[in-house]
Amino acid sequence: MNNEFLKRSPVRFCLLILAPVLALALTTAGTARAFSGSHLIEIEGGTTDSAGEVGNLAVSGLFDIRGNGTVKTLNITIAYEDNFAPGAANSESFICKLTNVTDLVISGGAPVVSVALTVSATGDTCFKTLFPLVLVSNAGKGLTFRGYILGNKMALKSTTSTLTDSFPDNVVNVALSGEIDPSGAGSNQATGDRLIEAGGGAIDFDDAANPNGHIALAGLIRLNSLKHGVTTGTAAALDLTLDYEDHVVGDHLACHLTLPGDVSYTLVKGVGTLTLTVGNASECIGANNTSKNIVFALYVGGSKGRVVSTSSTLIDGLADSDRIGELAVVGEFSTAGGF
């Protein structure tokens, strides 16, 4: 083709106009391709509601997204706790279970995108952490993030929140960060050796209006395989360390769980629960926690997994033995190659 023709003809003008449009289209398509398939999400950070009550929020889940950017399946849990009236009927901590495929929207072109997570009026439920039968209205409300893409991974930083707690106060100030990660290779059955690591905010029942405490745990769990048609599993081996601390020095709790019977889990298509139960008084220092537990929503994508807390009956170390019942703890549950 004659170069002079391109320089002077309307063809060159059209190409100049279309070039940025084509570039944006290719970038957006590239984003969709990079995030097609099964993915795990994990987010954690601090909050302040409109009444000035401080707290913590954690998010974890599993979703499957098509190459065109639409979500095929979605299971996500949001855990929120704050320091108003912990343990009381008017406590404000809540859990949200999201299953509607329209709840997650990723828009824009790489490397910086917008991510919105919204509670739907249908298919989703929000309820008080301590009173699961008491619903919390968050329909149409949610969180937004700025996402940063590198390869097939995305880092997330919160930008806004319209969630309300169970008072309801607006959870207006959030400082959250996390990631979206592609699922690993292998089955979603979570069998064999798994490393668990999790942490986040927690508060016991006598700490109203006081600073939140924290829970941290890590360990190694060897899961027994689930037989065909069976959804509840056990462990063959366990070594896990868990600590709780808050603003009262004596409220510290330290547990070292080593009994395989301390572990039980459920799992269906990568979605289930993980329960850690103290099987013997000698496993915890600070209080007798025999038969007390901490329960997580469990999400497994092949070699990778995520957990987020949904309840706890653990008690702290003072003579009053307060329940550490409101928490927002999130972390990983993966094989050695799945982190």
C-alpha atoms as a PDB file:
ATOM      1  CA  MET A   1       0.000   0.000   0.000  1.00  0.00           C
ATOM      2  CA  ASN A   2       1.210   3.512  -0.845  1.00  0.00           C
ATOM      3  CA  ASN A   3       2.385   5.264   2.377  1.00  0.00           C
ATOM      4  CA  GLU A   4       1.444   8.636   0.892  1.00  0.00           C
ATOM      5  CA  PHE A   5      -2.131   7.395   0.585  1.00  0.00           C
ATOM      6  CA  LEU A   6      -2.225   6.547   4.302  1.00  0.00           C
ATOM      7  CA  LYS A   7      -0.798   9.910   5.254  1.00  0.00           C
ATOM      8  CA  ARG A   8      -3.375  11.918   3.334  1.00  0.00           C
ATOM      9  CA  SER A   9      -6.489   9.743   3.196  1.00  0.00           C
ATOM     10  CA  PRO A  10      -9.390   9.497   5.676  1.00  0.00           C
ATOM     11  CA  VAL A  11      -8.192   5.947   6.432  1.00  0.00           C
ATOM     12  CA  ARG A  12      -5.320   7.298   8.521  1.00  0.00           C
ATOM     13  CA  PHE A  13      -7.697   9.634  10.371  1.00  0.00           C
ATOM     14  CA  CYS A  14     -10.025   6.740  11.222  1.00  0.00           C
ATOM     15  CA  LEU A  15      -7.153   4.601  12.427  1.00  0.00           C
ATOM     16  CA  LEU A  16      -5.996   7.378  14.733  1.00  0.00           C
ATOM     17  CA  ILE A  17      -9.471   7.596  16.247  1.00  0.00           C
ATOM     18  CA  LEU A  18      -9.917   3.846  16.577  1.00  0.00           C
ATOM     19  CA  ALA A  19      -6.478   3.122  18.032  1.00  0.00           C
ATOM     20  CA  PRO A  20      -7.265   4.077  21.657  1.00  0.00           C
ATOM     21  CA  VAL A  21     -10.681   2.384  21.443  1.00  0.00           C
ATOM     22  CA  LEU A  22      -9.110  -0.825  20.182  1.00  0.00           C
ATOM     23  CA  ALA A  23      -6.433  -0.613  22.859  1.00  0.00           C
ATOM     24  CA  LEU A  24      -9.079  -0.278  25.602  1.00  0.00           C
ATOM     25  CA  ALA A  25     -11.079  -3.165  24.168  1.00  0.00           C
ATOM     26  CA  LEU A  26      -8.024  -5.385  24.070  1.00  0.00           C
ATOM     27  CA  THR A  27      -7.081  -4.401  27.624  1.00  0.00           C
ATOM     28  CA  THR A  28     -10.553  -5.146  28.935  1.00  0.00           C
ATOM     29  CA  ALA A  29     -10.636  -8.462  27.099  1.00  0.00           C
ATOM     30  CA  GLY A  30      -7.239  -9.280  28.539  1.00  0.00           C
ATOM     31  CA  THR A  31      -8.545  -8.562  32.034  1.00  0.00           C
ATOM     32  CA  ALA A  32     -11.489 -10.886  31.499  1.00  0.00           C
ATOM     33  CA  ARG A  33      -9.253 -13.639  30.177  1.00  0.00           C
ATOM     34  CA  ALA A  34      -6.822 -13.269  33.081  1.00  0.00           C
ATOM     35  CA  PHE A  35      -9.652 -13.613  35.588  1.00  0.00           C
ATOM     36  CA  SER A  36     -11.640 -16.369  33.955  1.00  0.00           C
ATOM     37  CA  GLY A  37     -12.098 -19.558  35.942  1.00  0.00           C
ATOM     38  CA  SER A  38     -12.201 -20.318  39.663  1.00  0.00           C
ATOM     39  CA  HIS A  39     -10.833 -17.723  42.101  1.00  0.00           C
ATOM     40  CA  LEU A  40     -10.463 -17.217  45.847  1.00  0.00           C
ATOM     41  CA  ILE A  41     -10.880 -13.864  47.578  1.00  0.00           C
ATOM     42  CA  GLU A  42      -9.457 -12.768  50.942  1.00  0.00           C
ATOM     43  CA  ILE A  43      -9.815  -9.293  52.539  1.00  0.00           C
ATOM     44  CA  GLU A  44      -9.230  -7.978  56.073  1.00  0.00           C
ATOM     45  CA  GLY A  45      -8.895  -4.692  57.935  1.00  0.00           C
ATOM     46  CA  GLY A  46     -10.237  -2.173  60.421  1.00  0.00           C
ATOM     47  CA  THR A  47     -13.479  -0.192  60.547  1.00  0.00           C
ATOM     48  CA  THR A  48     -15.223   2.682  62.319  1.00  0.00           C
ATOM     49  CA  ASP A  49     -18.999   3.077  62.194  1.00  0.00           C
ATOM     50  CA  SER A  50     -21.020   6.292  62.235  1.00  0.00           C
ATOM     51  CA  ALA A  51     -21.307   6.111  66.048  1.00  0.00           C
ATOM     52  CA  GLY A  52     -17.518   6.061  66.414  1.00  0.00           C
ATOM     53  CA  GLU A  53     -17.340   2.385  67.363  1.00  0.00           C
ATOM     54  CA  VAL A  54     -14.212   0.655  66.087  1.00  0.00           C
ATOM     55  CA  GLY A  55     -14.144  -2.857  64.705  1.00  0.00           C
ATOM     56  CA  ASN A  56     -12.819  -5.258  62.119  1.00  0.00           C
ATOM     57  CA  LEU A  57     -14.109  -6.746  58.892  1.00  0.00           C
ATOM     58  CA  ALA A  58     -13.029  -9.883  57.037  1.00  0.00           C
ATOM     59  CA  VAL A  59     -14.083 -11.334  53.683  1.00  0.00           C
ATOM     60  CA  SER A  60     -13.357 -14.687  52.098  1.00  0.00           C
ATOM     61  CA  GLY A  61     -14.904 -16.786  49.381  1.00  0.00           C
ATOM     62  CA  LEU A  62     -14.803 -18.712  46.129  1.00  0.00           C
ATOM     63  CA  PHE A  63     -16.207 -17.656  42.774  1.00  0.00           C
ATOM     64  CA  ASP A  64     -16.076 -18.761  39.146  1.00  0.00           C
ATOM     65  CA  ILE A  65     -15.956 -16.097  36.469  1.00  0.00           C
ATOM     66  CA  ARG A  66     -16.417 -16.512  32.708  1.00  0.00           C
ATOM     67  CA  GLY A  67     -14.092 -15.101  30.074  1.00  0.00           C
ATOM     68  CA  ASN A  68     -16.602 -12.327  29.284  1.00  0.00           C
ATOM     69  CA  GLY A  69     -16.405 -11.075  32.884  1.00  0.00           C
ATOM     70  CA  THR A  70     -19.745 -12.445  34.145  1.00  0.00           C
ATOM     71  CA  VAL A  71     -19.757 -14.492  37.328  1.00  0.00           C
ATOM     72  CA  LYS A  72     -20.934 -18.101  36.980  1.00  0.00           C
ATOM     73  CA  THR A  73     -20.992 -19.174  40.646  1.00  0.00           C
ATOM     74  CA  LEU A  74     -20.272 -17.272  43.866  1.00  0.00           C
ATOM     75  CA  ASN A  75     -19.974 -18.084  47.576  1.00  0.00           C
ATOM     76  CA  ILE A  76     -18.576 -15.312  49.803  1.00  0.00           C
ATOM     77  CA  THR A  77     -18.758 -14.631  53.553  1.00  0.00           C
ATOM     78  CA  ILE A  78     -18.380 -11.203  55.193  1.00  0.00           C
ATOM     79  CA  ALA A  79     -17.636 -11.160  58.945  1.00  0.00           C
ATOM     80  CA  TYR A  80     -17.924  -7.869  60.880  1.00  0.00           C
ATOM     81  CA  GLU A  81     -17.375  -7.134  64.572  1.00  0.00           C
ATOM     82  CA  ASP A  82     -17.228  -3.941  66.600  1.00  0.00           C
ATOM     83  CA  ASN A  83     -16.860  -2.972  70.260  1.00  0.00           C
ATOM     84  CA  PHE A  84     -20.448  -1.956  71.080  1.00  0.00           C
ATOM     85  CA  ALA A  85     -22.178  -4.151  73.708  1.00  0.00           C
ATOM     86  CA  PRO A  86     -20.375  -7.389  72.849  1.00  0.00           C
ATOM     87  CA  GLY A  87     -22.318 -10.423  73.988  1.00  0.00           C
ATOM     88  CA  ALA A  88     -25.554  -8.497  74.511  1.00  0.00           C
ATOM     89  CA  ALA A  89     -28.793  -8.694  72.546  1.00  0.00           C
ATOM     90  CA  ASN A  90     -28.017  -5.269  71.062  1.00  0.00           C
ATOM     91  CA  SER A  91     -24.497  -6.202  69.936  1.00  0.00           C
ATOM     92  CA  GLU A  92     -23.738  -5.043  66.402  1.00  0.00           C
ATOM     93  CA  SER A  93     -21.513  -7.737  64.890  1.00  0.00           C
ATOM     94  CA  PHE A  94     -22.886  -9.545  61.839  1.00  0.00           C
ATOM     95  CA  ILE A  95     -22.214 -12.185  59.211  1.00  0.00           C
ATOM     96  CA  CYS A  96     -23.285 -11.940  55.556  1.00  0.00           C
ATOM     97  CA  LYS A  97     -23.522 -14.966  53.255  1.00  0.00           C
ATOM     98  CA  LEU A  98     -23.441 -13.998  49.576  1.00  0.00           C
ATOM     99  CA  THR A  99     -24.434 -16.439  46.806  1.00  0.00           C
ATOM    100  CA  ASN A 100     -25.983 -14.247  44.107  1.00  0.00           C
ATOM    101  CA  VAL A 101     -23.792 -14.130  40.983  1.00  0.00           C
ATOM    102  CA  THR A 102     -24.577 -10.431  40.510  1.00  0.00           C
ATOM    103  CA  ASP A 103     -22.952  -9.553  43.864  1.00  0.00           C
ATOM    104  CA  LEU A 104     -19.453  -9.218  42.366  1.00  0.00           C
ATOM    105  CA  VAL A 105     -18.658  -6.817  39.535  1.00  0.00           C
ATOM    106  CA  ILE A 106     -15.167  -6.166  38.136  1.00  0.00           C
ATOM    107  CA  SER A 107     -15.034  -3.260  35.688  1.00  0.00           C
ATOM    108  CA  GLY A 108     -12.410  -1.291  33.785  1.00  0.00           C
ATOM    109  CA  GLY A 109      -9.197  -2.303  32.080  1.00  0.00           C
ATOM    110  CA  ALA A 110      -5.943  -3.617  33.488  1.00  0.00           C
ATOM    111  CA  PRO A 111      -3.801  -2.854  35.354  1.00  0.00           C
ATOM    112  CA  VAL A 112      -6.200  -0.810  37.568  1.00  0.00           C
ATOM    113  CA  VAL A 113      -9.845  -1.855  37.859  1.00  0.00           C
ATOM    114  CA  SER A 114     -12.888  -1.205  40.027  1.00  0.00           C
ATOM    115  CA  VAL A 115     -14.375  -4.007  42.125  1.00  0.00           C
ATOM    116  CA  ALA A 116     -17.821  -3.860  43.744  1.00  0.00           C
ATOM    117  CA  LEU A 117     -19.197  -6.389  46.238  1.00  0.00           C
ATOM    118  CA  THR A 118     -22.904  -5.834  46.918  1.00  0.00           C
ATOM    119  CA  VAL A 119     -25.427  -7.678  49.082  1.00  0.00           C
ATOM    120  CA  SER A 120     -28.453  -8.685  47.012  1.00  0.00           C
ATOM    121  CA  ALA A 121     -32.039  -8.704  48.229  1.00  0.00           C
ATOM    122  CA  THR A 122     -32.443 -12.254  46.895  1.00  0.00           C
ATOM    123  CA  GLY A 123     -30.141 -15.189  47.555  1.00  0.00           C
ATOM    124  CA  ASP A 124     -28.065 -13.421  50.234  1.00  0.00           C
ATOM    125  CA  THR A 125     -28.527 -13.304  54.003  1.00  0.00           C
ATOM    126  CA  CYS A 126     -27.037 -11.105  56.741  1.00  0.00           C
ATOM    127  CA  PHE A 127     -27.587 -11.947  60.402  1.00  0.00           C
ATOM    128  CA  LYS A 128     -26.279 -11.160  63.866  1.00  0.00           C
ATOM    129  CA  THR A 129     -23.154 -13.131  64.707  1.00  0.00           C
ATOM    130  CA  LEU A 130     -24.493 -14.194  68.099  1.00  0.00           C
ATOM    131  CA  PHE A 131     -28.127 -14.514  67.043  1.00  0.00           C
ATOM    132  CA  PRO A 132     -28.259 -16.080  63.561  1.00  0.00           C
ATOM    133  CA  LEU A 133     -32.047 -15.960  63.462  1.00  0.00           C
ATOM    134  CA  VAL A 134     -31.978 -12.141  63.747  1.00  0.00           C
ATOM    135  CA  LEU A 135     -31.529 -10.733  60.260  1.00  0.00           C
ATOM    136  CA  VAL A 136     -29.562  -7.576  59.456  1.00  0.00           C
ATOM    137  CA  SER A 137     -30.715  -5.515  56.487  1.00  0.00           C
ATOM    138  CA  ASN A 138     -27.923  -4.812  54.004  1.00  0.00           C
ATOM    139  CA  ALA A 139     -29.750  -5.332  50.708  1.00  0.00           C
ATOM    140  CA  GLY A 140     -28.260  -3.097  48.028  1.00  0.00           C
ATOM    141  CA  LYS A 141     -25.313  -2.165  50.250  1.00  0.00           C
ATOM    142  CA  GLY A 142     -21.714  -3.275  50.075  1.00  0.00           C
ATOM    143  CA  LEU A 143     -18.054  -2.482  49.564  1.00  0.00           C
ATOM    144  CA  THR A 144     -16.034  -1.089  46.684  1.00  0.00           C
ATOM    145  CA  PHE A 145     -12.345  -1.552  45.987  1.00  0.00           C
ATOM    146  CA  ARG A 146      -9.605  -0.430  43.653  1.00  0.00           C
ATOM    147  CA  GLY A 147      -7.970  -3.511  42.163  1.00  0.00           C
ATOM    148  CA  TYR A 148      -4.400  -3.794  40.883  1.00  0.00           C
ATOM    149  CA  ILE A 149      -3.718  -6.578  38.398  1.00  0.00           C
ATOM    150  CA  LEU A 150      -0.408  -8.289  37.805  1.00  0.00           C
ATOM    151  CA  GLY A 151      -0.601 -11.443  35.740  1.00  0.00           C
ATOM    152  CA  ASN A 152      -3.479 -13.524  37.063  1.00  0.00           C
ATOM    153  CA  LYS A 153      -3.511 -11.985  40.559  1.00  0.00           C
ATOM    154  CA  MET A 154      -5.265  -8.900  41.892  1.00  0.00           C
ATOM    155  CA  ALA A 155      -4.453  -6.820  44.972  1.00  0.00           C
ATOM    156  CA  LEU A 156      -7.398  -4.974  46.522  1.00  0.00           C
ATOM    157  CA  LYS A 157      -7.744  -1.791  48.566  1.00  0.00           C
ATOM    158  CA  SER A 158     -11.093  -0.564  49.861  1.00  0.00           C
ATOM    159  CA  THR A 159     -12.495   2.743  48.582  1.00  0.00           C
ATOM    160  CA  THR A 160     -16.028   2.972  50.043  1.00  0.00           C
ATOM    161  CA  SER A 161     -18.503   1.145  52.267  1.00  0.00           C
ATOM    162  CA  THR A 162     -22.276   1.441  52.495  1.00  0.00           C
ATOM    163  CA  LEU A 163     -22.741  -1.533  54.840  1.00  0.00           C
ATOM    164  CA  THR A 164     -24.705  -1.067  58.052  1.00  0.00           C
ATOM    165  CA  ASP A 165     -24.318  -3.008  61.280  1.00  0.00           C
ATOM    166  CA  SER A 166     -27.202  -4.417  63.278  1.00  0.00           C
ATOM    167  CA  PHE A 167     -28.020  -1.208  65.227  1.00  0.00           C
ATOM    168  CA  PRO A 168     -28.026   0.009  62.427  1.00  0.00           C
ATOM    169  CA  ASP A 169     -24.963   2.261  62.291  1.00  0.00           C
ATOM    170  CA  ASN A 170     -23.287   2.923  58.975  1.00  0.00           C
ATOM    171  CA  VAL A 171     -19.896   1.216  58.657  1.00  0.00           C
ATOM    172  CA  VAL A 172     -18.580   4.353  57.011  1.00  0.00           C
ATOM    173  CA  ASN A 173     -14.800   4.227  57.468  1.00  0.00           C
ATOM    174  CA  VAL A 174     -12.975   1.130  56.290  1.00  0.00           C
ATOM    175  CA  ALA A 175      -9.281   0.389  55.798  1.00  0.00           C
ATOM    176  CA  LEU A 176      -9.325  -3.005  54.098  1.00  0.00           C
ATOM    177  CA  SER A 177      -6.874  -4.782  51.832  1.00  0.00           C
ATOM    178  CA  GLY A 178      -6.597  -8.222  50.309  1.00  0.00           C
ATOM    179  CA  GLU A 179      -6.321 -10.201  47.114  1.00  0.00           C
ATOM    180  CA  ILE A 180      -8.072 -12.241  44.479  1.00  0.00           C
ATOM    181  CA  ASP A 181      -6.085 -15.331  43.604  1.00  0.00           C
ATOM    182  CA  PRO A 182      -6.714 -18.059  41.002  1.00  0.00           C
ATOM    183  CA  SER A 183      -7.572 -21.450  42.434  1.00  0.00           C
ATOM    184  CA  GLY A 184      -4.799 -23.997  42.503  1.00  0.00           C
ATOM    185  CA  ALA A 185      -4.516 -27.293  40.658  1.00  0.00           C
ATOM    186  CA  GLY A 186      -6.190 -30.408  41.942  1.00  0.00           C
ATOM    187  CA  SER A 187      -9.461 -31.449  43.512  1.00  0.00           C
ATOM    188  CA  ASN A 188     -11.665 -29.181  45.620  1.00  0.00           C
ATOM    189  CA  GLN A 189     -11.944 -31.970  48.207  1.00  0.00           C
ATOM    190  CA  ALA A 190      -9.120 -30.550  50.408  1.00  0.00           C
ATOM    191  CA  THR A 191      -7.627 -33.929  51.286  1.00  0.00           C
ATOM    192  CA  GLY A 192      -4.134 -34.523  52.696  1.00  0.00           C
ATOM    193  CA  ASP A 193      -1.816 -32.035  54.364  1.00  0.00           C
ATOM    194  CA  ARG A 194      -2.974 -28.436  54.681  1.00  0.00           C
ATOM    195  CA  LEU A 195      -1.269 -25.455  56.265  1.00  0.00           C
ATOM    196  CA  ILE A 196      -3.644 -23.075  58.027  1.00  0.00           C
ATOM    197  CA  GLU A 197      -2.835 -19.464  58.903  1.00  0.00           C
ATOM    198  CA  ALA A 198      -5.378 -16.876  60.000  1.00  0.00           C
ATOM    199  CA  GLY A 199      -5.716 -13.728  62.067  1.00  0.00           C
ATOM    200  CA  GLY A 200      -7.963 -10.783  62.754  1.00  0.00           C
ATOM    201  CA  GLY A 201     -10.013  -8.834  65.251  1.00  0.00           C
ATOM    202  CA  ALA A 202     -12.007 -10.291  68.141  1.00  0.00           C
ATOM    203  CA  ILE A 203     -13.666  -9.065  71.312  1.00  0.00           C
ATOM    204  CA  ASP A 204     -14.869 -10.779  74.480  1.00  0.00           C
ATOM    205  CA  PHE A 205     -18.090 -10.063  76.311  1.00  0.00           C
ATOM    206  CA  ASP A 206     -16.817  -7.645  78.993  1.00  0.00           C
ATOM    207  CA  ASP A 207     -14.931  -5.316  76.651  1.00  0.00           C
ATOM    208  CA  ALA A 208     -17.730  -2.958  75.592  1.00  0.00           C
ATOM    209  CA  ALA A 209     -16.324   0.375  74.356  1.00  0.00           C
ATOM    210  CA  ASN A 210     -12.785  -0.918  74.878  1.00  0.00           C
ATOM    211  CA  PRO A 211     -10.155  -1.652  72.235  1.00  0.00           C
ATOM    212  CA  ASN A 212     -10.692  -4.810  70.217  1.00  0.00           C
ATOM    213  CA  GLY A 213      -8.470  -7.799  70.771  1.00  0.00           C
ATOM    214  CA  HIS A 214      -6.954 -10.138  68.214  1.00  0.00           C
ATOM    215  CA  ILE A 215      -6.854 -13.825  67.404  1.00  0.00           C
ATOM    216  CA  ALA A 216      -3.972 -15.431  65.510  1.00  0.00           C
ATOM    217  CA  LEU A 217      -3.520 -19.070  64.613  1.00  0.00           C
ATOM    218  CA  ALA A 218      -1.322 -21.300  62.470  1.00  0.00           C
ATOM    219  CA  GLY A 219      -0.835 -25.007  62.106  1.00  0.00           C
ATOM    220  CA  LEU A 220      -0.655 -28.156  60.041  1.00  0.00           C
ATOM    221  CA  ILE A 221      -3.680 -30.387  59.487  1.00  0.00           C
ATOM    222  CA  ARG A 222      -3.735 -33.758  57.735  1.00  0.00           C
ATOM    223  CA  LEU A 223      -7.265 -34.324  56.503  1.00  0.00           C
ATOM    224  CA  ASN A 224      -8.815 -37.712  55.891  1.00  0.00           C
ATOM    225  CA  SER A 225     -10.325 -38.113  52.432  1.00  0.00           C
ATOM    226  CA  LEU A 226     -14.041 -37.708  51.966  1.00  0.00           C
ATOM    227  CA  LYS A 227     -15.679 -40.818  50.546  1.00  0.00           C
ATOM    228  CA  HIS A 228     -18.033 -40.515  47.602  1.00  0.00           C
ATOM    229  CA  GLY A 229     -21.301 -38.951  48.680  1.00  0.00           C
ATOM    230  CA  VAL A 230     -19.957 -38.003  52.130  1.00  0.00           C
ATOM    231  CA  THR A 231     -19.713 -34.300  53.003  1.00  0.00           C
ATOM    232  CA  THR A 232     -18.374 -34.401  56.585  1.00  0.00           C
ATOM    233  CA  GLY A 233     -14.715 -35.179  57.245  1.00  0.00           C
ATOM    234  CA  THR A 234     -12.141 -35.610  59.989  1.00  0.00           C
ATOM    235  CA  ALA A 235      -8.389 -35.264  60.443  1.00  0.00           C
ATOM    236  CA  ALA A 236      -5.637 -37.878  60.787  1.00  0.00           C
ATOM    237  CA  ALA A 237      -3.163 -35.490  62.420  1.00  0.00           C
ATOM    238  CA  LEU A 238      -3.106 -31.966  63.858  1.00  0.00           C
ATOM    239  CA  ASP A 239      -0.644 -29.474  65.312  1.00  0.00           C
ATOM    240  CA  LEU A 240      -2.105 -25.973  65.652  1.00  0.00           C
ATOM    241  CA  THR A 241      -1.289 -22.951  67.834  1.00  0.00           C
ATOM    242  CA  LEU A 242      -3.900 -20.291  68.639  1.00  0.00           C
ATOM    243  CA  ASP A 243      -3.602 -17.111  70.720  1.00  0.00           C
ATOM    244  CA  TYR A 244      -6.040 -14.417  71.814  1.00  0.00           C
ATOM    245  CA  GLU A 245      -5.089 -11.096  73.389  1.00  0.00           C
ATOM    246  CA  ASP A 246      -6.919  -7.925  74.351  1.00  0.00           C
ATOM    247  CA  HIS A 247      -6.342  -4.733  76.374  1.00  0.00           C
ATOM    248  CA  VAL A 248      -6.562  -6.638  79.690  1.00  0.00           C
ATOM    249  CA  VAL A 249      -3.290  -8.486  80.233  1.00  0.00           C
ATOM    250  CA  GLY A 250      -4.926 -11.375  82.074  1.00  0.00           C
ATOM    251  CA  ASP A 251      -7.374 -12.041  79.242  1.00  0.00           C
ATOM    252  CA  HIS A 252      -4.688 -13.740  77.186  1.00  0.00           C
ATOM    253  CA  LEU A 253      -5.498 -17.224  75.902  1.00  0.00           C
ATOM    254  CA  ALA A 254      -2.937 -19.643  74.421  1.00  0.00           C
ATOM    255  CA  CYS A 255      -3.929 -22.991  72.910  1.00  0.00           C
ATOM    256  CA  HIS A 256      -1.885 -25.786  71.336  1.00  0.00           C
ATOM    257  CA  LEU A 257      -4.234 -28.266  69.674  1.00  0.00           C
ATOM    258  CA  THR A 258      -2.744 -31.668  68.864  1.00  0.00           C
ATOM    259  CA  LEU A 259      -5.659 -34.121  68.967  1.00  0.00           C
ATOM    260  CA  PRO A 260      -6.901 -35.166  65.495  1.00  0.00           C
ATOM    261  CA  GLY A 261     -10.413 -35.237  66.920  1.00  0.00           C
ATOM    262  CA  ASP A 262     -10.202 -31.464  67.434  1.00  0.00           C
ATOM    263  CA  VAL A 263     -10.855 -31.048  63.696  1.00  0.00           C
ATOM    264  CA  SER A 264     -14.036 -31.579  61.702  1.00  0.00           C
ATOM    265  CA  TYR A 265     -15.044 -30.158  58.358  1.00  0.00           C
ATOM    266  CA  THR A 266     -17.784 -30.188  55.750  1.00  0.00           C
ATOM    267  CA  LEU A 267     -17.238 -29.632  52.053  1.00  0.00           C
ATOM    268  CA  VAL A 268     -19.402 -29.647  48.928  1.00  0.00           C
ATOM    269  CA  LYS A 269     -17.942 -28.420  45.628  1.00  0.00           C
ATOM    270  CA  GLY A 270     -15.263 -26.403  47.414  1.00  0.00           C
ATOM    271  CA  VAL A 271     -17.623 -24.729  49.907  1.00  0.00           C
ATOM    272  CA  GLY A 272     -18.063 -25.814  53.525  1.00  0.00           C
ATOM    273  CA  THR A 273     -17.058 -25.269  57.136  1.00  0.00           C
ATOM    274  CA  LEU A 274     -14.021 -25.947  59.308  1.00  0.00           C
ATOM    275  CA  THR A 275     -14.472 -26.432  63.068  1.00  0.00           C
ATOM    276  CA  LEU A 276     -11.626 -26.460  65.589  1.00  0.00           C
ATOM    277  CA  THR A 277     -12.716 -27.790  68.996  1.00  0.00           C
ATOM    278  CA  VAL A 278     -10.579 -27.986  72.130  1.00  0.00           C
ATOM    279  CA  GLY A 279     -10.622 -31.670  73.078  1.00  0.00           C
ATOM    280  CA  ASN A 280      -8.719 -31.532  76.343  1.00  0.00           C
ATOM    281  CA  ALA A 281      -8.254 -28.930  79.079  1.00  0.00           C
ATOM    282  CA  SER A 282      -4.474 -29.279  78.827  1.00  0.00           C
ATOM    283  CA  GLU A 283      -4.521 -27.893  75.274  1.00  0.00           C
ATOM    284  CA  CYS A 284      -5.200 -24.298  76.427  1.00  0.00           C
ATOM    285  CA  ILE A 285      -3.456 -22.126  79.003  1.00  0.00           C
ATOM    286  CA  GLY A 286      -5.526 -19.395  80.651  1.00  0.00           C
ATOM    287  CA  ALA A 287      -8.924 -21.071  80.820  1.00  0.00           C
ATOM    288  CA  ASN A 288     -10.495 -24.490  80.518  1.00  0.00           C
ATOM    289  CA  ASN A 289     -11.813 -24.507  76.959  1.00  0.00           C
ATOM    290  CA  THR A 290     -12.744 -28.180  76.717  1.00  0.00           C
ATOM    291  CA  SER A 291     -15.464 -28.608  74.053  1.00  0.00           C
ATOM    292  CA  LYS A 292     -15.246 -24.898  73.112  1.00  0.00           C
ATOM    293  CA  ASN A 293     -14.681 -24.166  69.433  1.00  0.00           C
ATOM    294  CA  ILE A 294     -14.063 -21.685  66.658  1.00  0.00           C
ATOM    295  CA  VAL A 295     -15.898 -22.174  63.360  1.00  0.00           C
ATOM    296  CA  PHE A 296     -14.887 -20.944  59.912  1.00  0.00           C
ATOM    297  CA  ALA A 297     -16.495 -20.809  56.499  1.00  0.00           C
ATOM    298  CA  LEU A 298     -14.178 -22.915  54.331  1.00  0.00           C
ATOM    299  CA  TYR A 299     -13.461 -22.346  50.649  1.00  0.00           C
ATOM    300  CA  VAL A 300     -11.250 -24.709  48.651  1.00  0.00           C
ATOM    301  CA  GLY A 301      -9.993 -24.202  45.116  1.00  0.00           C
ATOM    302  CA  GLY A 302      -7.683 -27.123  44.395  1.00  0.00           C
ATOM    303  CA  SER A 303      -4.402 -26.753  46.260  1.00  0.00           C
ATOM    304  CA  LYS A 304      -5.460 -23.360  47.639  1.00  0.00           C
ATOM    305  CA  GLY A 305      -8.009 -22.596  50.326  1.00  0.00           C
ATOM    306  CA  ARG A 306      -9.352 -19.742  52.420  1.00  0.00           C
ATOM    307  CA  VAL A 307     -11.172 -19.494  55.758  1.00  0.00           C
ATOM    308  CA  VAL A 308     -13.160 -16.751  57.491  1.00  0.00           C
ATOM    309  CA  SER A 309     -14.623 -16.931  61.001  1.00  0.00           C
ATOM    310  CA  THR A 310     -18.354 -17.276  61.586  1.00  0.00           C
ATOM    311  CA  SER A 311     -18.594 -18.087  65.332  1.00  0.00           C
ATOM    312  CA  SER A 312     -16.623 -18.866  68.491  1.00  0.00           C
ATOM    313  CA  THR A 313     -17.389 -20.237  71.949  1.00  0.00           C
ATOM    314  CA  LEU A 314     -13.791 -19.921  73.186  1.00  0.00           C
ATOM    315  CA  ILE A 315     -13.346 -18.181  76.562  1.00  0.00           C
ATOM    316  CA  ASP A 316     -10.530 -15.940  77.747  1.00  0.00           C
ATOM    317  CA  GLY A 317      -8.158 -16.297  80.680  1.00  0.00           C
ATOM    318  CA  LEU A 318      -9.598 -14.323  83.590  1.00  0.00           C
ATOM    319  CA  ALA A 319     -11.767 -15.775  86.342  1.00  0.00           C
ATOM    320  CA  ASP A 320     -14.861 -14.326  84.649  1.00  0.00           C
ATOM    321  CA  SER A 321     -14.108 -16.540  81.601  1.00  0.00           C
ATOM    322  CA  ASP A 322     -15.696 -14.266  79.032  1.00  0.00           C
ATOM    323  CA  ARG A 323     -16.665 -15.706  75.690  1.00  0.00           C
ATOM    324  CA  ILE A 324     -14.650 -14.483  72.706  1.00  0.00           C
ATOM    325  CA  GLY A 325     -17.811 -14.562  70.663  1.00  0.00           C
ATOM    326  CA  GLU A 326     -17.533 -11.764  68.112  1.00  0.00           C
ATOM    327  CA  LEU A 327     -14.692 -11.926  65.627  1.00  0.00           C
ATOM    328  CA  ALA A 328     -13.527 -11.214  62.080  1.00  0.00           C
ATOM    329  CA  VAL A 329     -10.659 -13.615  61.417  1.00  0.00           C
ATOM    330  CA  VAL A 330      -9.512 -14.603  57.921  1.00  0.00           C
ATOM    331  CA  GLY A 331      -6.670 -16.601  56.421  1.00  0.00           C
ATOM    332  CA  GLU A 332      -5.384 -19.427  54.233  1.00  0.00           C
ATOM    333  CA  PHE A 333      -5.902 -23.172  54.176  1.00  0.00           C
ATOM    334  CA  SER A 334      -3.593 -24.474  51.485  1.00  0.00           C
ATOM    335  CA  THR A 335      -1.126 -27.155  50.511  1.00  0.00           C
ATOM    336  CA  ALA A 336       2.592 -26.380  50.443  1.00  0.00           C
ATOM    337  CA  GLY A 337       2.341 -25.298  46.814  1.00  0.00           C
ATOM    338  CA  GLY A 338      -0.981 -23.551  47.130  1.00  0.00           C
ATOM    339  CA  PHE A 339      -0.146 -20.312  48.935  1.00  0.00           C
END
